[in-house]
Amino acid sequence: MFLVDSHCHLDGLDYESLHKDVDDVLAKAAARDVKFCLAVATTLPGYLHMRDLVGERDNVVFSCGVASTQPE
């Protein structure tokens, strides 16, 4: 089976006590047949932080949803 996590926040996970790092999270997901993730940010600074944290990967794409009334 090939599952897609269509809405995840890889930058908001507990990397101190629950997960070692992003590689650990993605390995745990893959073990449960989640092979692709759409990492979602809700602010432009959050988007940039998440891109830095996750890096370029074949199994993760990024999106940033901000409202036109939201300050940059």
PDB file of N, CA and C in Angstrom:
ATOM      1  N   MET A   1       0.845  -1.176   0.000  1.00  0.00           N
ATOM      2  CA  MET A   1       0.000   0.000   0.000  1.00  0.00           C
ATOM      3  C   MET A   1       0.893   1.243   0.000  1.00  0.00           C
ATOM      4  N   PHE A   2       0.426   2.299  -0.638  1.00  0.00           N
ATOM      5  CA  PHE A   2       1.148   3.569  -0.711  1.00  0.00           C
ATOM      6  C   PHE A   2       0.218   4.647  -0.180  1.00  0.00           C
ATOM      7  N   LEU A   3       0.481   5.104   1.030  1.00  0.00           N
ATOM      8  CA  LEU A   3      -0.342   6.143   1.644  1.00  0.00           C
ATOM      9  C   LEU A   3       0.365   7.486   1.576  1.00  0.00           C
ATOM     10  N   VAL A   4      -0.437   8.551   1.528  1.00  0.00           N
ATOM     11  CA  VAL A   4       0.066   9.925   1.512  1.00  0.00           C
ATOM     12  C   VAL A   4      -0.504  10.657   2.722  1.00  0.00           C
ATOM     13  N   ASP A   5       0.365  11.288   3.488  1.00  0.00           N
ATOM     14  CA  ASP A   5      -0.089  12.187   4.551  1.00  0.00           C
ATOM     15  C   ASP A   5      -0.264  13.546   3.892  1.00  0.00           C
ATOM     16  N   SER A   6      -1.501  13.922   3.657  1.00  0.00           N
ATOM     17  CA  SER A   6      -1.782  15.127   2.880  1.00  0.00           C
ATOM     18  C   SER A   6      -1.820  16.406   3.712  1.00  0.00           C
ATOM     19  N   HIS A   7      -1.504  16.297   5.007  1.00  0.00           N
ATOM     20  CA  HIS A   7      -1.491  17.504   5.845  1.00  0.00           C
ATOM     21  C   HIS A   7      -0.738  17.206   7.139  1.00  0.00           C
ATOM     22  N   CYS A   8       0.547  17.497   7.138  1.00  0.00           N
ATOM     23  CA  CYS A   8       1.336  17.283   8.355  1.00  0.00           C
ATOM     24  C   CYS A   8       2.163  18.531   8.663  1.00  0.00           C
ATOM     25  N   HIS A   9       2.530  18.671   9.915  1.00  0.00           N
ATOM     26  CA  HIS A   9       3.332  19.799  10.379  1.00  0.00           C
ATOM     27  C   HIS A   9       4.635  19.237  10.939  1.00  0.00           C
ATOM     28  N   LEU A  10       5.568  18.934  10.065  1.00  0.00           N
ATOM     29  CA  LEU A  10       6.830  18.319  10.481  1.00  0.00           C
ATOM     30  C   LEU A  10       7.652  19.236  11.375  1.00  0.00           C
ATOM     31  N   ASP A  11       7.374  20.518  11.334  1.00  0.00           N
ATOM     32  CA  ASP A  11       8.120  21.469  12.165  1.00  0.00           C
ATOM     33  C   ASP A  11       7.548  21.590  13.573  1.00  0.00           C
ATOM     34  N   GLY A  12       6.394  21.005  13.824  1.00  0.00           N
ATOM     35  CA  GLY A  12       5.754  21.165  15.119  1.00  0.00           C
ATOM     36  C   GLY A  12       5.765  19.916  15.982  1.00  0.00           C
ATOM     37  N   LEU A  13       6.614  18.965  15.652  1.00  0.00           N
ATOM     38  CA  LEU A  13       6.657  17.708  16.398  1.00  0.00           C
ATOM     39  C   LEU A  13       7.635  17.786  17.564  1.00  0.00           C
ATOM     40  N   ASP A  14       7.503  16.864  18.481  1.00  0.00           N
ATOM     41  CA  ASP A  14       8.361  16.808  19.666  1.00  0.00           C
ATOM     42  C   ASP A  14       9.651  16.070  19.319  1.00  0.00           C
ATOM     43  N   TYR A  15      10.687  16.835  18.993  1.00  0.00           N
ATOM     44  CA  TYR A  15      11.983  16.254  18.633  1.00  0.00           C
ATOM     45  C   TYR A  15      12.904  16.106  19.846  1.00  0.00           C
ATOM     46  N   GLU A  16      12.424  16.437  21.017  1.00  0.00           N
ATOM     47  CA  GLU A  16      13.245  16.284  22.225  1.00  0.00           C
ATOM     48  C   GLU A  16      13.004  14.945  22.909  1.00  0.00           C
ATOM     49  N   SER A  17      11.743  14.500  22.953  1.00  0.00           N
ATOM     50  CA  SER A  17      11.476  13.257  23.679  1.00  0.00           C
ATOM     51  C   SER A  17      10.735  12.192  22.870  1.00  0.00           C
ATOM     52  N   LEU A  18      10.083  12.576  21.779  1.00  0.00           N
ATOM     53  CA  LEU A  18       9.284  11.606  21.032  1.00  0.00           C
ATOM     54  C   LEU A  18       9.972  11.112  19.762  1.00  0.00           C
ATOM     55  N   HIS A  19      10.635  12.016  19.051  1.00  0.00           N
ATOM     56  CA  HIS A  19      11.305  11.672  17.792  1.00  0.00           C
ATOM     57  C   HIS A  19      12.744  12.164  17.838  1.00  0.00           C
ATOM     58  N   LYS A  20      13.639  11.426  17.184  1.00  0.00           N
ATOM     59  CA  LYS A  20      15.044  11.844  17.135  1.00  0.00           C
ATOM     60  C   LYS A  20      15.226  13.042  16.213  1.00  0.00           C
ATOM     61  N   ASP A  21      14.641  12.941  15.015  1.00  0.00           N
ATOM     62  CA  ASP A  21      14.778  13.983  13.999  1.00  0.00           C
ATOM     63  C   ASP A  21      13.765  13.710  12.895  1.00  0.00           C
ATOM     64  N   VAL A  22      13.815  14.500  11.830  1.00  0.00           N
ATOM     65  CA  VAL A  22      12.873  14.337  10.721  1.00  0.00           C
ATOM     66  C   VAL A  22      13.043  12.965  10.072  1.00  0.00           C
ATOM     67  N   ASP A  23      14.273  12.498   9.934  1.00  0.00           N
ATOM     68  CA  ASP A  23      14.501  11.167   9.363  1.00  0.00           C
ATOM     69  C   ASP A  23      13.768  10.097  10.170  1.00  0.00           C
ATOM     70  N   ASP A  24      13.804  10.218  11.482  1.00  0.00           N
ATOM     71  CA  ASP A  24      13.119   9.273  12.363  1.00  0.00           C
ATOM     72  C   ASP A  24      11.612   9.300  12.119  1.00  0.00           C
ATOM     73  N   VAL A  25      11.043  10.491  12.012  1.00  0.00           N
ATOM     74  CA  VAL A  25       9.603  10.635  11.771  1.00  0.00           C
ATOM     75  C   VAL A  25       9.223   9.997  10.444  1.00  0.00           C
ATOM     76  N   LEU A  26       9.991  10.293   9.402  1.00  0.00           N
ATOM     77  CA  LEU A  26       9.663   9.757   8.083  1.00  0.00           C
ATOM     78  C   LEU A  26       9.858   8.246   8.026  1.00  0.00           C
ATOM     79  N   ALA A  27      10.829   7.720   8.744  1.00  0.00           N
ATOM     80  CA  ALA A  27      11.025   6.268   8.803  1.00  0.00           C
ATOM     81  C   ALA A  27       9.849   5.600   9.518  1.00  0.00           C
ATOM     82  N   LYS A  28       9.383   6.205  10.601  1.00  0.00           N
ATOM     83  CA  LYS A  28       8.221   5.665  11.316  1.00  0.00           C
ATOM     84  C   LYS A  28       6.979   5.704  10.426  1.00  0.00           C
ATOM     85  N   ALA A  29       6.826   6.773   9.672  1.00  0.00           N
ATOM     86  CA  ALA A  29       5.692   6.877   8.753  1.00  0.00           C
ATOM     87  C   ALA A  29       5.790   5.809   7.666  1.00  0.00           C
ATOM     88  N   ALA A  30       6.969   5.641   7.089  1.00  0.00           N
ATOM     89  CA  ALA A  30       7.161   4.647   6.026  1.00  0.00           C
ATOM     90  C   ALA A  30       6.883   3.237   6.534  1.00  0.00           C
ATOM     91  N   ALA A  31       7.217   2.970   7.781  1.00  0.00           N
ATOM     92  CA  ALA A  31       6.941   1.651   8.366  1.00  0.00           C
ATOM     93  C   ALA A  31       5.440   1.380   8.450  1.00  0.00           C
ATOM     94  N   ARG A  32       4.651   2.445   8.364  1.00  0.00           N
ATOM     95  CA  ARG A  32       3.187   2.321   8.388  1.00  0.00           C
ATOM     96  C   ARG A  32       2.596   2.606   7.010  1.00  0.00           C
ATOM     97  N   ASP A  33       3.426   2.462   5.979  1.00  0.00           N
ATOM     98  CA  ASP A  33       3.036   2.612   4.569  1.00  0.00           C
ATOM     99  C   ASP A  33       2.761   4.049   4.142  1.00  0.00           C
ATOM    100  N   VAL A  34       3.119   5.035   4.958  1.00  0.00           N
ATOM    101  CA  VAL A  34       3.015   6.437   4.532  1.00  0.00           C
ATOM    102  C   VAL A  34       4.309   6.760   3.802  1.00  0.00           C
ATOM    103  N   LYS A  35       4.215   6.881   2.484  1.00  0.00           N
ATOM    104  CA  LYS A  35       5.407   7.020   1.649  1.00  0.00           C
ATOM    105  C   LYS A  35       5.638   8.444   1.158  1.00  0.00           C
ATOM    106  N   PHE A  36       4.656   9.335   1.353  1.00  0.00           N
ATOM    107  CA  PHE A  36       4.768  10.697   0.838  1.00  0.00           C
ATOM    108  C   PHE A  36       4.037  11.637   1.784  1.00  0.00           C
ATOM    109  N   CYS A  37       4.608  12.820   2.011  1.00  0.00           N
ATOM    110  CA  CYS A  37       4.022  13.791   2.944  1.00  0.00           C
ATOM    111  C   CYS A  37       3.922  15.173   2.320  1.00  0.00           C
ATOM    112  N   LEU A  38       2.816  15.827   2.590  1.00  0.00           N
ATOM    113  CA  LEU A  38       2.649  17.240   2.266  1.00  0.00           C
ATOM    114  C   LEU A  38       2.792  18.001   3.574  1.00  0.00           C
ATOM    115  N   ALA A  39       3.911  18.679   3.737  1.00  0.00           N
ATOM    116  CA  ALA A  39       4.206  19.433   4.956  1.00  0.00           C
ATOM    117  C   ALA A  39       3.613  20.832   4.822  1.00  0.00           C
ATOM    118  N   VAL A  40       2.776  21.191   5.769  1.00  0.00           N
ATOM    119  CA  VAL A  40       1.987  22.418   5.689  1.00  0.00           C
ATOM    120  C   VAL A  40       2.485  23.452   6.693  1.00  0.00           C
ATOM    121  N   ALA A  41       2.655  24.667   6.221  1.00  0.00           N
ATOM    122  CA  ALA A  41       2.981  25.805   7.085  1.00  0.00           C
ATOM    123  C   ALA A  41       1.820  26.792   7.033  1.00  0.00           C
ATOM    124  N   THR A  42       1.686  27.580   8.086  1.00  0.00           N
ATOM    125  CA  THR A  42       0.589  28.551   8.138  1.00  0.00           C
ATOM    126  C   THR A  42       1.075  29.991   8.169  1.00  0.00           C
ATOM    127  N   THR A  43       2.391  30.175   8.178  1.00  0.00           N
ATOM    128  CA  THR A  43       2.981  31.514   8.093  1.00  0.00           C
ATOM    129  C   THR A  43       4.196  31.433   7.176  1.00  0.00           C
ATOM    130  N   LEU A  44       4.580  32.543   6.604  1.00  0.00           N
ATOM    131  CA  LEU A  44       5.775  32.549   5.752  1.00  0.00           C
ATOM    132  C   LEU A  44       7.045  32.244   6.549  1.00  0.00           C
ATOM    133  N   PRO A  45       7.233  32.830   7.742  1.00  0.00           N
ATOM    134  CA  PRO A  45       8.409  32.447   8.531  1.00  0.00           C
ATOM    135  C   PRO A  45       8.393  30.958   8.907  1.00  0.00           C
ATOM    136  N   GLY A  46       7.209  30.441   9.216  1.00  0.00           N
ATOM    137  CA  GLY A  46       7.089  29.022   9.536  1.00  0.00           C
ATOM    138  C   GLY A  46       7.443  28.143   8.355  1.00  0.00           C
ATOM    139  N   TYR A  47       7.058  28.578   7.165  1.00  0.00           N
ATOM    140  CA  TYR A  47       7.390  27.855   5.937  1.00  0.00           C
ATOM    141  C   TYR A  47       8.906  27.793   5.749  1.00  0.00           C
ATOM    142  N   LEU A  48       9.564  28.920   5.907  1.00  0.00           N
ATOM    143  CA  LEU A  48      11.020  28.960   5.735  1.00  0.00           C
ATOM    144  C   LEU A  48      11.724  28.098   6.779  1.00  0.00           C
ATOM    145  N   HIS A  49      11.237  28.143   8.016  1.00  0.00           N
ATOM    146  CA  HIS A  49      11.809  27.312   9.076  1.00  0.00           C
ATOM    147  C   HIS A  49      11.637  25.825   8.747  1.00  0.00           C
ATOM    148  N   MET A  50      10.453  25.455   8.288  1.00  0.00           N
ATOM    149  CA  MET A  50      10.198  24.056   7.973  1.00  0.00           C
ATOM    150  C   MET A  50      11.068  23.588   6.811  1.00  0.00           C
ATOM    151  N   ARG A  51      11.242  24.435   5.804  1.00  0.00           N
ATOM    152  CA  ARG A  51      12.117  24.067   4.675  1.00  0.00           C
ATOM    153  C   ARG A  51      13.536  23.828   5.160  1.00  0.00           C
ATOM    154  N   ASP A  52      14.015  24.668   6.063  1.00  0.00           N
ATOM    155  CA  ASP A  52      15.362  24.482   6.620  1.00  0.00           C
ATOM    156  C   ASP A  52      15.444  23.205   7.450  1.00  0.00           C
ATOM    157  N   LEU A  53      14.425  22.944   8.251  1.00  0.00           N
ATOM    158  CA  LEU A  53      14.410  21.768   9.119  1.00  0.00           C
ATOM    159  C   LEU A  53      14.348  20.471   8.316  1.00  0.00           C
ATOM    160  N   VAL A  54      13.482  20.415   7.336  1.00  0.00           N
ATOM    161  CA  VAL A  54      13.225  19.178   6.592  1.00  0.00           C
ATOM    162  C   VAL A  54      14.210  18.989   5.449  1.00  0.00           C
ATOM    163  N   GLY A  55      14.560  20.068   4.766  1.00  0.00           N
ATOM    164  CA  GLY A  55      15.468  19.973   3.631  1.00  0.00           C
ATOM    165  C   GLY A  55      14.789  19.402   2.396  1.00  0.00           C
ATOM    166  N   GLU A  56      15.566  19.232   1.344  1.00  0.00           N
ATOM    167  CA  GLU A  56      15.052  18.687   0.087  1.00  0.00           C
ATOM    168  C   GLU A  56      14.954  17.170   0.193  1.00  0.00           C
ATOM    169  N   ARG A  57      13.773  16.652  -0.077  1.00  0.00           N
ATOM    170  CA  ARG A  57      13.541  15.204  -0.021  1.00  0.00           C
ATOM    171  C   ARG A  57      12.600  14.803  -1.148  1.00  0.00           C
ATOM    172  N   ASP A  58      12.770  13.594  -1.632  1.00  0.00           N
ATOM    173  CA  ASP A  58      11.896  13.089  -2.690  1.00  0.00           C
ATOM    174  C   ASP A  58      10.497  12.759  -2.185  1.00  0.00           C
ATOM    175  N   ASN A  59      10.348  12.551  -0.887  1.00  0.00           N
ATOM    176  CA  ASN A  59       9.063  12.105  -0.353  1.00  0.00           C
ATOM    177  C   ASN A  59       8.327  13.174   0.466  1.00  0.00           C
ATOM    178  N   VAL A  60       8.779  14.428   0.367  1.00  0.00           N
ATOM    179  CA  VAL A  60       8.116  15.522   1.085  1.00  0.00           C
ATOM    180  C   VAL A  60       8.010  16.730   0.159  1.00  0.00           C
ATOM    181  N   VAL A  61       6.816  17.305   0.081  1.00  0.00           N
ATOM    182  CA  VAL A  61       6.619  18.591  -0.586  1.00  0.00           C
ATOM    183  C   VAL A  61       6.041  19.550   0.445  1.00  0.00           C
ATOM    184  N   PHE A  62       6.128  20.833   0.147  1.00  0.00           N
ATOM    185  CA  PHE A  62       5.745  21.871   1.104  1.00  0.00           C
ATOM    186  C   PHE A  62       4.623  22.740   0.557  1.00  0.00           C
ATOM    187  N   SER A  63       3.811  23.236   1.466  1.00  0.00           N
ATOM    188  CA  SER A  63       2.817  24.244   1.109  1.00  0.00           C
ATOM    189  C   SER A  63       2.758  25.273   2.231  1.00  0.00           C
ATOM    190  N   CYS A  64       2.258  26.448   1.874  1.00  0.00           N
ATOM    191  CA  CYS A  64       2.106  27.508   2.862  1.00  0.00           C
ATOM    192  C   CYS A  64       0.764  28.181   2.604  1.00  0.00           C
ATOM    193  N   GLY A  65      -0.131  28.039   3.548  1.00  0.00           N
ATOM    194  CA  GLY A  65      -1.442  28.653   3.415  1.00  0.00           C
ATOM    195  C   GLY A  65      -1.569  29.839   4.353  1.00  0.00           C
ATOM    196  N   VAL A  66      -1.588  31.030   3.785  1.00  0.00           N
ATOM    197  CA  VAL A  66      -1.755  32.236   4.595  1.00  0.00           C
ATOM    198  C   VAL A  66      -2.959  33.009   4.072  1.00  0.00           C
ATOM    199  N   ALA A  67      -3.676  33.636   4.973  1.00  0.00           N
ATOM    200  CA  ALA A  67      -4.827  34.444   4.592  1.00  0.00           C
ATOM    201  C   ALA A  67      -4.353  35.825   4.153  1.00  0.00           C
ATOM    202  N   SER A  68      -5.062  36.413   3.222  1.00  0.00           N
ATOM    203  CA  SER A  68      -4.681  37.744   2.732  1.00  0.00           C
ATOM    204  C   SER A  68      -4.797  38.799   3.824  1.00  0.00           C
ATOM    205  N   THR A  69      -5.534  38.518   4.876  1.00  0.00           N
ATOM    206  CA  THR A  69      -5.675  39.464   5.984  1.00  0.00           C
ATOM    207  C   THR A  69      -4.639  39.238   7.077  1.00  0.00           C
ATOM    208  N   GLN A  70      -3.842  38.192   6.927  1.00  0.00           N
ATOM    209  CA  GLN A  70      -2.831  37.859   7.928  1.00  0.00           C
ATOM    210  C   GLN A  70      -1.577  38.696   7.682  1.00  0.00           C
ATOM    211  N   PRO A  71      -1.028  39.316   8.726  1.00  0.00           N
ATOM    212  CA  PRO A  71       0.208  40.086   8.524  1.00  0.00           C
ATOM    213  C   PRO A  71       1.362  39.161   8.146  1.00  0.00           C
ATOM    214  N   GLU A  72       2.277  39.687   7.353  1.00  0.00           N
ATOM    215  CA  GLU A  72       3.433  38.892   6.941  1.00  0.00           C
ATOM    216  C   GLU A  72       4.333  38.736   8.107  1.00  0.00           C
TER     217      GLU A  72
END
